[in-house]
């Protein structure tokens, strides 16, 4: 990924999960407190119904295991020795972070015994299964999302998150400054922290130590919030368009698209983002061009592709003649 640095794979421990979300999610420890150092590495949750029944082919051991009402009812109905044997097979995987029983029910002795034998933390929550999984997944997705630090400026133009990149000194911050004057919103300058969220959405924000600050050559560091007001800043925004500013001479402008029929994309954290190359030459108002590009991209998102529509119309007229 150009102009970025991907961060190492993230994880949180079961202890950190309990500390940050234990009260909110109604979590209580039943057993295995000494094993709270186990790592949670993925945001997805697993309901091991088939595994408890003995079918281990697609068992996802790296996920937090949720014992919901369906799994609990099966354990009550089935022979305890069969359930215990299947649980031992499940819990032989060393990467299981923890087991959580939902619905406020008391964990069955076979579940306690299997967790104790494998050293797996056993937790309970009063939340119903669907609500708990939704809230836990949202939290884990935020904590474990893939992250990249991208060199550029992120602004929100007409409600569309636009990531502006280009060589050093090409005028990214100056362009963002002009957009601010025209009523648009700054999210981050110089370094953008990008997270890939569920649904392959990219969310950008500013690192805390430089949030709401801009560096402009000749002016130095400016505080955007103080200069333009609280309405000129946002903590984060979806990244829905990428603009690459390129310093060129007037003789090389022929290398750029003039019809808009071709569509380019920039891969950020393996997510394709609609991309646009804008040549930087004296006299061009880049802020206005980015405004129009953002409005045009919003039309494309709604299924209205102006260049293709005009091209099809011209072809139909030529066909009649």
C-alpha atoms as a PDB file:
ATOM      1  CA  UNK A   1       0.000   0.000   0.000  1.00  0.00           C
ATOM      2  CA  UNK A   2       1.670   3.252  -1.112  1.00  0.00           C
ATOM      3  CA  UNK A   3       2.440   6.059   1.310  1.00  0.00           C
ATOM      4  CA  UNK A   4       1.385   4.058   4.337  1.00  0.00           C
ATOM      5  CA  UNK A   5       2.664   1.805   7.056  1.00  0.00           C
ATOM      6  CA  UNK A   6       0.582  -1.141   8.189  1.00  0.00           C
ATOM      7  CA  UNK A   7       0.459  -1.827  11.894  1.00  0.00           C
ATOM      8  CA  UNK A   8       1.212  -5.252  13.371  1.00  0.00           C
ATOM      9  CA  UNK A   9      -1.662  -7.658  14.083  1.00  0.00           C
ATOM     10  CA  UNK A  10      -3.566  -6.630  17.200  1.00  0.00           C
ATOM     11  CA  UNK A  11      -5.010  -8.556  20.107  1.00  0.00           C
ATOM     12  CA  UNK A  12      -6.516  -7.990  23.509  1.00  0.00           C
ATOM     13  CA  UNK A  13      -6.450 -10.343  26.481  1.00  0.00           C
ATOM     14  CA  UNK A  14      -9.495 -11.697  28.271  1.00  0.00           C
ATOM     15  CA  UNK A  15      -8.401  -9.611  31.266  1.00  0.00           C
ATOM     16  CA  UNK A  16      -8.483  -6.427  29.171  1.00  0.00           C
ATOM     17  CA  UNK A  17     -11.892  -7.369  27.794  1.00  0.00           C
ATOM     18  CA  UNK A  18     -13.300  -7.768  31.301  1.00  0.00           C
ATOM     19  CA  UNK A  19     -11.692  -4.546  32.516  1.00  0.00           C
ATOM     20  CA  UNK A  20     -13.025  -2.404  29.667  1.00  0.00           C
ATOM     21  CA  UNK A  21     -16.403  -4.058  28.956  1.00  0.00           C
ATOM     22  CA  UNK A  22     -17.100  -6.395  31.871  1.00  0.00           C
ATOM     23  CA  UNK A  23     -19.688  -4.193  33.620  1.00  0.00           C
ATOM     24  CA  UNK A  24     -21.238  -2.912  30.389  1.00  0.00           C
ATOM     25  CA  UNK A  25     -21.761  -6.439  29.039  1.00  0.00           C
ATOM     26  CA  UNK A  26     -22.744  -7.914  32.419  1.00  0.00           C
ATOM     27  CA  UNK A  27     -19.844 -10.357  32.444  1.00  0.00           C
ATOM     28  CA  UNK A  28     -18.998 -12.360  35.562  1.00  0.00           C
ATOM     29  CA  UNK A  29     -16.217 -14.885  36.101  1.00  0.00           C
ATOM     30  CA  UNK A  30     -17.156 -18.470  36.931  1.00  0.00           C
ATOM     31  CA  UNK A  31     -13.727 -20.097  36.621  1.00  0.00           C
ATOM     32  CA  UNK A  32     -10.287 -19.705  35.062  1.00  0.00           C
ATOM     33  CA  UNK A  33      -9.250 -16.283  36.406  1.00  0.00           C
ATOM     34  CA  UNK A  34      -5.591 -17.323  36.355  1.00  0.00           C
ATOM     35  CA  UNK A  35      -5.866 -17.854  32.585  1.00  0.00           C
ATOM     36  CA  UNK A  36      -7.089 -14.328  31.751  1.00  0.00           C
ATOM     37  CA  UNK A  37      -3.917 -13.748  29.737  1.00  0.00           C
ATOM     38  CA  UNK A  38      -5.374 -15.680  26.795  1.00  0.00           C
ATOM     39  CA  UNK A  39      -5.505 -13.563  23.627  1.00  0.00           C
ATOM     40  CA  UNK A  40      -8.531 -12.487  21.598  1.00  0.00           C
ATOM     41  CA  UNK A  41      -7.282 -11.963  18.035  1.00  0.00           C
ATOM     42  CA  UNK A  42     -10.462 -11.809  15.912  1.00  0.00           C
ATOM     43  CA  UNK A  43     -13.710  -9.886  16.246  1.00  0.00           C
ATOM     44  CA  UNK A  44     -15.922 -12.724  15.020  1.00  0.00           C
ATOM     45  CA  UNK A  45     -17.808 -14.834  17.573  1.00  0.00           C
ATOM     46  CA  UNK A  46     -18.438 -18.598  17.394  1.00  0.00           C
ATOM     47  CA  UNK A  47     -21.480 -20.556  18.539  1.00  0.00           C
ATOM     48  CA  UNK A  48     -20.171 -24.151  18.741  1.00  0.00           C
ATOM     49  CA  UNK A  49     -23.457 -26.013  18.351  1.00  0.00           C
ATOM     50  CA  UNK A  50     -22.154 -28.545  15.838  1.00  0.00           C
ATOM     51  CA  UNK A  51     -18.863 -28.968  17.695  1.00  0.00           C
ATOM     52  CA  UNK A  52     -20.673 -29.787  20.953  1.00  0.00           C
ATOM     53  CA  UNK A  53     -22.593 -32.420  18.977  1.00  0.00           C
ATOM     54  CA  UNK A  54     -19.277 -33.929  17.865  1.00  0.00           C
ATOM     55  CA  UNK A  55     -18.833 -32.357  14.408  1.00  0.00           C
ATOM     56  CA  UNK A  56     -15.436 -30.637  14.581  1.00  0.00           C
ATOM     57  CA  UNK A  57     -14.789 -30.137  10.841  1.00  0.00           C
ATOM     58  CA  UNK A  58     -15.501 -26.378  10.740  1.00  0.00           C
ATOM     59  CA  UNK A  59     -14.830 -25.508  14.376  1.00  0.00           C
ATOM     60  CA  UNK A  60     -13.301 -21.991  14.711  1.00  0.00           C
ATOM     61  CA  UNK A  61     -11.157 -22.310  17.808  1.00  0.00           C
ATOM     62  CA  UNK A  62      -9.596 -18.841  17.543  1.00  0.00           C
ATOM     63  CA  UNK A  63     -12.919 -17.150  18.324  1.00  0.00           C
ATOM     64  CA  UNK A  64     -14.647 -16.496  21.637  1.00  0.00           C
ATOM     65  CA  UNK A  65     -17.040 -19.410  22.187  1.00  0.00           C
ATOM     66  CA  UNK A  66     -20.649 -18.524  23.062  1.00  0.00           C
ATOM     67  CA  UNK A  67     -22.890 -21.076  24.756  1.00  0.00           C
ATOM     68  CA  UNK A  68     -26.386 -19.804  23.980  1.00  0.00           C
ATOM     69  CA  UNK A  69     -29.805 -21.249  24.711  1.00  0.00           C
ATOM     70  CA  UNK A  70     -29.585 -23.737  21.841  1.00  0.00           C
ATOM     71  CA  UNK A  71     -26.241 -25.153  22.965  1.00  0.00           C
ATOM     72  CA  UNK A  72     -27.365 -25.152  26.593  1.00  0.00           C
ATOM     73  CA  UNK A  73     -30.555 -27.075  25.774  1.00  0.00           C
ATOM     74  CA  UNK A  74     -28.551 -29.693  23.863  1.00  0.00           C
ATOM     75  CA  UNK A  75     -26.157 -30.143  26.796  1.00  0.00           C
ATOM     76  CA  UNK A  76     -29.137 -30.674  29.138  1.00  0.00           C
ATOM     77  CA  UNK A  77     -30.731 -33.225  26.826  1.00  0.00           C
ATOM     78  CA  UNK A  78     -27.665 -35.227  25.741  1.00  0.00           C
ATOM     79  CA  UNK A  79     -25.794 -37.779  27.843  1.00  0.00           C
ATOM     80  CA  UNK A  80     -23.279 -35.838  30.016  1.00  0.00           C
ATOM     81  CA  UNK A  81     -20.462 -38.245  29.139  1.00  0.00           C
ATOM     82  CA  UNK A  82     -20.970 -37.607  25.410  1.00  0.00           C
ATOM     83  CA  UNK A  83     -21.101 -33.846  25.953  1.00  0.00           C
ATOM     84  CA  UNK A  84     -17.973 -33.926  28.115  1.00  0.00           C
ATOM     85  CA  UNK A  85     -16.059 -35.942  25.531  1.00  0.00           C
ATOM     86  CA  UNK A  86     -17.034 -33.514  22.766  1.00  0.00           C
ATOM     87  CA  UNK A  87     -16.138 -30.521  24.917  1.00  0.00           C
ATOM     88  CA  UNK A  88     -12.717 -32.021  25.601  1.00  0.00           C
ATOM     89  CA  UNK A  89     -12.162 -32.297  21.832  1.00  0.00           C
ATOM     90  CA  UNK A  90     -13.224 -28.684  21.360  1.00  0.00           C
ATOM     91  CA  UNK A  91     -11.111 -27.319  24.175  1.00  0.00           C
ATOM     92  CA  UNK A  92      -7.981 -29.199  23.133  1.00  0.00           C
ATOM     93  CA  UNK A  93      -7.327 -26.304  20.743  1.00  0.00           C
ATOM     94  CA  UNK A  94      -4.881 -24.005  22.588  1.00  0.00           C
ATOM     95  CA  UNK A  95      -6.027 -20.774  20.917  1.00  0.00           C
ATOM     96  CA  UNK A  96      -9.546 -20.628  22.417  1.00  0.00           C
ATOM     97  CA  UNK A  97      -9.737 -17.266  24.282  1.00  0.00           C
ATOM     98  CA  UNK A  98     -12.652 -18.017  26.602  1.00  0.00           C
ATOM     99  CA  UNK A  99     -16.145 -19.517  26.881  1.00  0.00           C
ATOM    100  CA  UNK A 100     -19.153 -17.311  27.676  1.00  0.00           C
ATOM    101  CA  UNK A 101     -22.572 -18.641  28.721  1.00  0.00           C
ATOM    102  CA  UNK A 102     -25.362 -16.168  27.876  1.00  0.00           C
ATOM    103  CA  UNK A 103     -28.897 -15.668  29.167  1.00  0.00           C
ATOM    104  CA  UNK A 104     -27.993 -15.555  32.864  1.00  0.00           C
ATOM    105  CA  UNK A 105     -28.209 -19.346  33.274  1.00  0.00           C
ATOM    106  CA  UNK A 106     -25.916 -21.288  35.572  1.00  0.00           C
ATOM    107  CA  UNK A 107     -23.180 -23.150  33.635  1.00  0.00           C
ATOM    108  CA  UNK A 108     -23.615 -26.913  33.655  1.00  0.00           C
ATOM    109  CA  UNK A 109     -21.068 -29.027  35.577  1.00  0.00           C
ATOM    110  CA  UNK A 110     -19.807 -30.616  32.332  1.00  0.00           C
ATOM    111  CA  UNK A 111     -18.965 -27.170  30.924  1.00  0.00           C
ATOM    112  CA  UNK A 112     -17.183 -26.185  34.143  1.00  0.00           C
ATOM    113  CA  UNK A 113     -15.253 -29.444  34.182  1.00  0.00           C
ATOM    114  CA  UNK A 114     -14.160 -29.181  30.550  1.00  0.00           C
ATOM    115  CA  UNK A 115     -13.039 -25.558  30.940  1.00  0.00           C
ATOM    116  CA  UNK A 116     -11.140 -26.322  34.146  1.00  0.00           C
ATOM    117  CA  UNK A 117      -9.312 -29.256  32.550  1.00  0.00           C
ATOM    118  CA  UNK A 118      -8.163 -27.134  29.582  1.00  0.00           C
ATOM    119  CA  UNK A 119      -7.466 -23.948  31.564  1.00  0.00           C
ATOM    120  CA  UNK A 120     -10.020 -21.893  29.636  1.00  0.00           C
ATOM    121  CA  UNK A 121     -11.740 -18.940  31.359  1.00  0.00           C
ATOM    122  CA  UNK A 122     -15.469 -19.496  31.830  1.00  0.00           C
ATOM    123  CA  UNK A 123     -17.699 -16.406  31.997  1.00  0.00           C
ATOM    124  CA  UNK A 124     -21.435 -15.761  32.215  1.00  0.00           C
ATOM    125  CA  UNK A 125     -23.617 -12.831  31.197  1.00  0.00           C
ATOM    126  CA  UNK A 126     -27.231 -11.922  31.853  1.00  0.00           C
ATOM    127  CA  UNK A 127     -27.589 -10.567  28.285  1.00  0.00           C
ATOM    128  CA  UNK A 128     -29.531 -12.639  25.763  1.00  0.00           C
ATOM    129  CA  UNK A 129     -27.385 -14.244  23.084  1.00  0.00           C
ATOM    130  CA  UNK A 130     -28.165 -12.021  20.081  1.00  0.00           C
ATOM    131  CA  UNK A 131     -27.787  -8.759  22.011  1.00  0.00           C
ATOM    132  CA  UNK A 132     -24.554  -9.889  23.630  1.00  0.00           C
ATOM    133  CA  UNK A 133     -22.987 -11.039  20.368  1.00  0.00           C
ATOM    134  CA  UNK A 134     -23.907  -7.758  18.658  1.00  0.00           C
ATOM    135  CA  UNK A 135     -22.432  -5.574  21.407  1.00  0.00           C
ATOM    136  CA  UNK A 136     -19.311  -7.709  21.826  1.00  0.00           C
ATOM    137  CA  UNK A 137     -18.662  -7.834  18.066  1.00  0.00           C
ATOM    138  CA  UNK A 138     -18.899  -4.041  17.765  1.00  0.00           C
ATOM    139  CA  UNK A 139     -16.389  -3.607  20.588  1.00  0.00           C
ATOM    140  CA  UNK A 140     -13.954  -6.215  19.272  1.00  0.00           C
ATOM    141  CA  UNK A 141     -14.175  -4.857  15.737  1.00  0.00           C
ATOM    142  CA  UNK A 142     -13.087  -1.448  17.017  1.00  0.00           C
ATOM    143  CA  UNK A 143     -10.261  -2.873  19.116  1.00  0.00           C
ATOM    144  CA  UNK A 144      -8.934  -5.400  16.591  1.00  0.00           C
ATOM    145  CA  UNK A 145      -9.523  -3.606  13.299  1.00  0.00           C
ATOM    146  CA  UNK A 146      -6.656  -3.654  10.806  1.00  0.00           C
ATOM    147  CA  UNK A 147      -4.861  -0.296  10.950  1.00  0.00           C
ATOM    148  CA  UNK A 148      -2.644   1.627   8.559  1.00  0.00           C
ATOM    149  CA  UNK A 149      -1.040   5.043   8.970  1.00  0.00           C
ATOM    150  CA  UNK A 150      -1.328   6.944   5.711  1.00  0.00           C
ATOM    151  CA  UNK A 151       0.506  10.128   4.703  1.00  0.00           C
ATOM    152  CA  UNK A 152      -2.067  12.622   3.507  1.00  0.00           C
ATOM    153  CA  UNK A 153      -5.020  14.806   4.472  1.00  0.00           C
ATOM    154  CA  UNK A 154      -8.537  13.583   5.218  1.00  0.00           C
ATOM    155  CA  UNK A 155     -11.421  16.016   4.740  1.00  0.00           C
ATOM    156  CA  UNK A 156     -15.177  15.587   4.662  1.00  0.00           C
ATOM    157  CA  UNK A 157     -16.586  17.288   1.560  1.00  0.00           C
ATOM    158  CA  UNK A 158     -20.379  17.391   1.227  1.00  0.00           C
ATOM    159  CA  UNK A 159     -20.601  14.423   3.570  1.00  0.00           C
ATOM    160  CA  UNK A 160     -18.058  12.362   1.596  1.00  0.00           C
ATOM    161  CA  UNK A 161     -14.742  11.419   3.183  1.00  0.00           C
ATOM    162  CA  UNK A 162     -11.941  12.397   0.772  1.00  0.00           C
ATOM    163  CA  UNK A 163      -8.360  11.267   1.328  1.00  0.00           C
ATOM    164  CA  UNK A 164      -5.932  13.652  -0.395  1.00  0.00           C
ATOM    165  CA  UNK A 165      -2.444  12.343  -1.100  1.00  0.00           C
ATOM    166  CA  UNK A 166       0.529  13.517  -3.136  1.00  0.00           C
ATOM    167  CA  UNK A 167       4.236  14.238  -3.001  1.00  0.00           C
ATOM    168  CA  UNK A 168       5.603  16.415  -0.226  1.00  0.00           C
ATOM    169  CA  UNK A 169       5.100  20.105  -1.003  1.00  0.00           C
ATOM    170  CA  UNK A 170       2.485  19.528  -3.726  1.00  0.00           C
ATOM    171  CA  UNK A 171      -0.116  21.506  -1.760  1.00  0.00           C
ATOM    172  CA  UNK A 172      -2.249  18.982   0.146  1.00  0.00           C
ATOM    173  CA  UNK A 173      -2.571  21.107   3.290  1.00  0.00           C
ATOM    174  CA  UNK A 174      -3.154  24.303   1.295  1.00  0.00           C
ATOM    175  CA  UNK A 175      -5.929  22.546  -0.620  1.00  0.00           C
ATOM    176  CA  UNK A 176      -7.475  21.338   2.645  1.00  0.00           C
ATOM    177  CA  UNK A 177      -7.216  24.872   4.039  1.00  0.00           C
ATOM    178  CA  UNK A 178      -9.167  26.245   1.081  1.00  0.00           C
ATOM    179  CA  UNK A 179     -11.791  23.539   1.580  1.00  0.00           C
ATOM    180  CA  UNK A 180     -12.086  24.582   5.236  1.00  0.00           C
ATOM    181  CA  UNK A 181     -12.671  28.183   4.156  1.00  0.00           C
ATOM    182  CA  UNK A 182     -15.452  26.934   1.886  1.00  0.00           C
ATOM    183  CA  UNK A 183     -17.235  25.275   4.827  1.00  0.00           C
ATOM    184  CA  UNK A 184     -15.968  21.712   4.687  1.00  0.00           C
ATOM    185  CA  UNK A 185     -14.557  19.671   7.567  1.00  0.00           C
ATOM    186  CA  UNK A 186     -11.054  18.505   8.539  1.00  0.00           C
ATOM    187  CA  UNK A 187     -10.467  15.103  10.081  1.00  0.00           C
ATOM    188  CA  UNK A 188      -6.683  14.708   9.867  1.00  0.00           C
ATOM    189  CA  UNK A 189      -3.652  16.454   8.403  1.00  0.00           C
ATOM    190  CA  UNK A 190      -0.277  14.905   7.515  1.00  0.00           C
ATOM    191  CA  UNK A 191      -0.961  11.482   9.113  1.00  0.00           C
ATOM    192  CA  UNK A 192      -4.282   9.648   8.814  1.00  0.00           C
ATOM    193  CA  UNK A 193      -5.011   6.591  10.951  1.00  0.00           C
ATOM    194  CA  UNK A 194      -7.127   4.248   8.821  1.00  0.00           C
ATOM    195  CA  UNK A 195      -9.128   1.347  10.249  1.00  0.00           C
ATOM    196  CA  UNK A 196     -10.854  -1.372   8.258  1.00  0.00           C
ATOM    197  CA  UNK A 197     -14.201  -2.062   9.878  1.00  0.00           C
ATOM    198  CA  UNK A 198     -16.821  -4.784   9.399  1.00  0.00           C
ATOM    199  CA  UNK A 199     -18.255  -4.664   5.885  1.00  0.00           C
ATOM    200  CA  UNK A 200     -14.892  -3.590   4.420  1.00  0.00           C
ATOM    201  CA  UNK A 201     -15.492   0.024   5.323  1.00  0.00           C
ATOM    202  CA  UNK A 202     -12.544   2.327   5.905  1.00  0.00           C
ATOM    203  CA  UNK A 203     -12.718   4.801   8.777  1.00  0.00           C
ATOM    204  CA  UNK A 204     -10.085   7.523   9.071  1.00  0.00           C
ATOM    205  CA  UNK A 205      -9.153   9.639  12.072  1.00  0.00           C
ATOM    206  CA  UNK A 206      -6.226  11.672  13.338  1.00  0.00           C
ATOM    207  CA  UNK A 207      -3.599  10.446  15.813  1.00  0.00           C
ATOM    208  CA  UNK A 208      -4.335  12.035  19.199  1.00  0.00           C
ATOM    209  CA  UNK A 209      -1.176  14.125  19.463  1.00  0.00           C
ATOM    210  CA  UNK A 210      -1.847  16.053  16.218  1.00  0.00           C
ATOM    211  CA  UNK A 211      -5.655  16.079  16.221  1.00  0.00           C
ATOM    212  CA  UNK A 212      -7.170  19.304  14.822  1.00  0.00           C
ATOM    213  CA  UNK A 213      -3.765  20.757  13.939  1.00  0.00           C
ATOM    214  CA  UNK A 214      -2.439  21.590  10.475  1.00  0.00           C
ATOM    215  CA  UNK A 215       1.042  22.377   9.234  1.00  0.00           C
ATOM    216  CA  UNK A 216       1.141  24.899   6.385  1.00  0.00           C
ATOM    217  CA  UNK A 217       4.411  25.932   4.771  1.00  0.00           C
ATOM    218  CA  UNK A 218       5.105  29.580   5.528  1.00  0.00           C
ATOM    219  CA  UNK A 219       2.529  29.706   8.343  1.00  0.00           C
ATOM    220  CA  UNK A 220       3.660  26.852  10.558  1.00  0.00           C
ATOM    221  CA  UNK A 221       1.289  24.987  12.865  1.00  0.00           C
ATOM    222  CA  UNK A 222      -2.300  26.230  13.095  1.00  0.00           C
ATOM    223  CA  UNK A 223      -5.176  25.166  15.358  1.00  0.00           C
ATOM    224  CA  UNK A 224      -8.113  24.526  13.040  1.00  0.00           C
ATOM    225  CA  UNK A 225     -10.691  24.408  15.825  1.00  0.00           C
ATOM    226  CA  UNK A 226      -9.681  27.799  17.216  1.00  0.00           C
ATOM    227  CA  UNK A 227      -9.420  29.475  13.813  1.00  0.00           C
ATOM    228  CA  UNK A 228     -12.501  28.065  12.061  1.00  0.00           C
ATOM    229  CA  UNK A 229     -14.710  26.922  14.940  1.00  0.00           C
ATOM    230  CA  UNK A 230     -15.833  23.590  16.309  1.00  0.00           C
ATOM    231  CA  UNK A 231     -17.941  22.948  13.196  1.00  0.00           C
ATOM    232  CA  UNK A 232     -14.795  22.706  11.066  1.00  0.00           C
ATOM    233  CA  UNK A 233     -13.513  19.488  12.660  1.00  0.00           C
ATOM    234  CA  UNK A 234     -14.622  15.886  12.999  1.00  0.00           C
ATOM    235  CA  UNK A 235     -13.110  13.042  14.981  1.00  0.00           C
ATOM    236  CA  UNK A 236     -13.504  10.493  12.176  1.00  0.00           C
ATOM    237  CA  UNK A 237     -15.048   9.878   8.775  1.00  0.00           C
ATOM    238  CA  UNK A 238     -15.572   7.095   6.286  1.00  0.00           C
ATOM    239  CA  UNK A 239     -13.037   7.175   3.447  1.00  0.00           C
ATOM    240  CA  UNK A 240     -15.080   7.023   0.244  1.00  0.00           C
ATOM    241  CA  UNK A 241     -12.836   8.737  -2.304  1.00  0.00           C
ATOM    242  CA  UNK A 242      -9.096   9.047  -2.914  1.00  0.00           C
ATOM    243  CA  UNK A 243      -7.487  12.008  -4.681  1.00  0.00           C
ATOM    244  CA  UNK A 244      -3.858  12.000  -5.811  1.00  0.00           C
ATOM    245  CA  UNK A 245      -2.381  15.463  -6.432  1.00  0.00           C
ATOM    246  CA  UNK A 246       0.417  15.353  -9.019  1.00  0.00           C
ATOM    247  CA  UNK A 247       2.730  18.221  -9.861  1.00  0.00           C
ATOM    248  CA  UNK A 248       3.050  18.400 -13.663  1.00  0.00           C
ATOM    249  CA  UNK A 249       4.020  20.756 -16.439  1.00  0.00           C
ATOM    250  CA  UNK A 250       1.450  22.106 -18.877  1.00  0.00           C
ATOM    251  CA  UNK A 251       2.926  19.963 -21.670  1.00  0.00           C
ATOM    252  CA  UNK A 252       2.078  16.680 -19.914  1.00  0.00           C
ATOM    253  CA  UNK A 253      -1.609  17.354 -19.227  1.00  0.00           C
ATOM    254  CA  UNK A 254      -2.538  15.067 -22.107  1.00  0.00           C
ATOM    255  CA  UNK A 255      -1.751  12.078 -19.890  1.00  0.00           C
ATOM    256  CA  UNK A 256      -4.863  12.697 -17.798  1.00  0.00           C
ATOM    257  CA  UNK A 257      -8.415  11.460 -18.376  1.00  0.00           C
ATOM    258  CA  UNK A 258     -10.701  14.055 -19.979  1.00  0.00           C
ATOM    259  CA  UNK A 259     -13.898  12.034 -20.383  1.00  0.00           C
ATOM    260  CA  UNK A 260     -14.308  10.311 -17.022  1.00  0.00           C
ATOM    261  CA  UNK A 261     -15.159   6.979 -18.671  1.00  0.00           C
ATOM    262  CA  UNK A 262     -12.303   5.138 -16.979  1.00  0.00           C
ATOM    263  CA  UNK A 263     -12.554   4.281 -13.284  1.00  0.00           C
ATOM    264  CA  UNK A 264      -9.476   3.923 -11.095  1.00  0.00           C
ATOM    265  CA  UNK A 265      -9.220   2.508  -7.570  1.00  0.00           C
ATOM    266  CA  UNK A 266      -6.700   2.756  -4.745  1.00  0.00           C
ATOM    267  CA  UNK A 267      -6.247  -0.260  -2.475  1.00  0.00           C
ATOM    268  CA  UNK A 268      -6.063   0.695   1.201  1.00  0.00           C
ATOM    269  CA  UNK A 269      -5.944  -2.211   3.652  1.00  0.00           C
ATOM    270  CA  UNK A 270      -7.119  -4.411   0.759  1.00  0.00           C
ATOM    271  CA  UNK A 271     -10.262  -2.286   0.319  1.00  0.00           C
ATOM    272  CA  UNK A 272     -10.726  -0.635  -3.124  1.00  0.00           C
ATOM    273  CA  UNK A 273     -11.473   3.096  -2.931  1.00  0.00           C
ATOM    274  CA  UNK A 274     -12.527   5.164  -6.007  1.00  0.00           C
ATOM    275  CA  UNK A 275      -9.455   7.181  -6.982  1.00  0.00           C
ATOM    276  CA  UNK A 276      -8.838  10.322  -8.992  1.00  0.00           C
ATOM    277  CA  UNK A 277      -5.603  11.883 -10.276  1.00  0.00           C
ATOM    278  CA  UNK A 278      -5.571  15.678 -10.345  1.00  0.00           C
ATOM    279  CA  UNK A 279      -2.717  17.557 -12.068  1.00  0.00           C
ATOM    280  CA  UNK A 280      -1.415  20.535 -10.107  1.00  0.00           C
ATOM    281  CA  UNK A 281      -0.613  23.488 -12.361  1.00  0.00           C
ATOM    282  CA  UNK A 282      -0.618  27.261 -11.795  1.00  0.00           C
ATOM    283  CA  UNK A 283      -4.098  28.774 -11.811  1.00  0.00           C
ATOM    284  CA  UNK A 284      -6.064  25.586 -11.067  1.00  0.00           C
ATOM    285  CA  UNK A 285      -8.438  25.828  -8.101  1.00  0.00           C
ATOM    286  CA  UNK A 286      -7.960  22.376  -6.587  1.00  0.00           C
ATOM    287  CA  UNK A 287     -10.503  22.926  -3.823  1.00  0.00           C
ATOM    288  CA  UNK A 288     -13.276  23.575  -6.352  1.00  0.00           C
ATOM    289  CA  UNK A 289     -12.214  20.540  -8.381  1.00  0.00           C
ATOM    290  CA  UNK A 290     -12.340  18.329  -5.301  1.00  0.00           C
ATOM    291  CA  UNK A 291     -15.773  19.709  -4.405  1.00  0.00           C
ATOM    292  CA  UNK A 292     -17.074  18.811  -7.858  1.00  0.00           C
ATOM    293  CA  UNK A 293     -15.346  15.419  -7.732  1.00  0.00           C
ATOM    294  CA  UNK A 294     -17.014  14.665  -4.393  1.00  0.00           C
ATOM    295  CA  UNK A 295     -20.455  15.611  -5.739  1.00  0.00           C
ATOM    296  CA  UNK A 296     -19.826  13.515  -8.857  1.00  0.00           C
ATOM    297  CA  UNK A 297     -18.746  10.537  -6.734  1.00  0.00           C
ATOM    298  CA  UNK A 298     -21.949  10.820  -4.716  1.00  0.00           C
ATOM    299  CA  UNK A 299     -23.896  10.540  -7.985  1.00  0.00           C
ATOM    300  CA  UNK A 300     -21.865   7.450  -8.911  1.00  0.00           C
ATOM    301  CA  UNK A 301     -22.616   5.914  -5.505  1.00  0.00           C
ATOM    302  CA  UNK A 302     -26.301   6.360  -6.334  1.00  0.00           C
ATOM    303  CA  UNK A 303     -25.847   4.619  -9.707  1.00  0.00           C
ATOM    304  CA  UNK A 304     -25.738   7.713 -11.940  1.00  0.00           C
ATOM    305  CA  UNK A 305     -22.562   7.681 -14.063  1.00  0.00           C
ATOM    306  CA  UNK A 306     -22.614  10.909 -16.071  1.00  0.00           C
ATOM    307  CA  UNK A 307     -19.799  10.083 -18.523  1.00  0.00           C
ATOM    308  CA  UNK A 308     -21.227   6.663 -19.374  1.00  0.00           C
ATOM    309  CA  UNK A 309     -24.719   8.107 -19.774  1.00  0.00           C
ATOM    310  CA  UNK A 310     -23.455  10.729 -22.244  1.00  0.00           C
ATOM    311  CA  UNK A 311     -21.384   8.140 -24.108  1.00  0.00           C
ATOM    312  CA  UNK A 312     -24.358   5.786 -24.483  1.00  0.00           C
ATOM    313  CA  UNK A 313     -26.523   8.681 -25.660  1.00  0.00           C
ATOM    314  CA  UNK A 314     -23.971   9.643 -28.333  1.00  0.00           C
ATOM    315  CA  UNK A 315     -23.677   6.044 -29.523  1.00  0.00           C
ATOM    316  CA  UNK A 316     -27.453   5.786 -29.869  1.00  0.00           C
ATOM    317  CA  UNK A 317     -27.563   9.025 -31.926  1.00  0.00           C
ATOM    318  CA  UNK A 318     -24.741   7.767 -34.161  1.00  0.00           C
ATOM    319  CA  UNK A 319     -26.606   4.492 -34.646  1.00  0.00           C
ATOM    320  CA  UNK A 320     -29.722   6.301 -35.863  1.00  0.00           C
ATOM    321  CA  UNK A 321     -27.688   8.155 -38.498  1.00  0.00           C
END
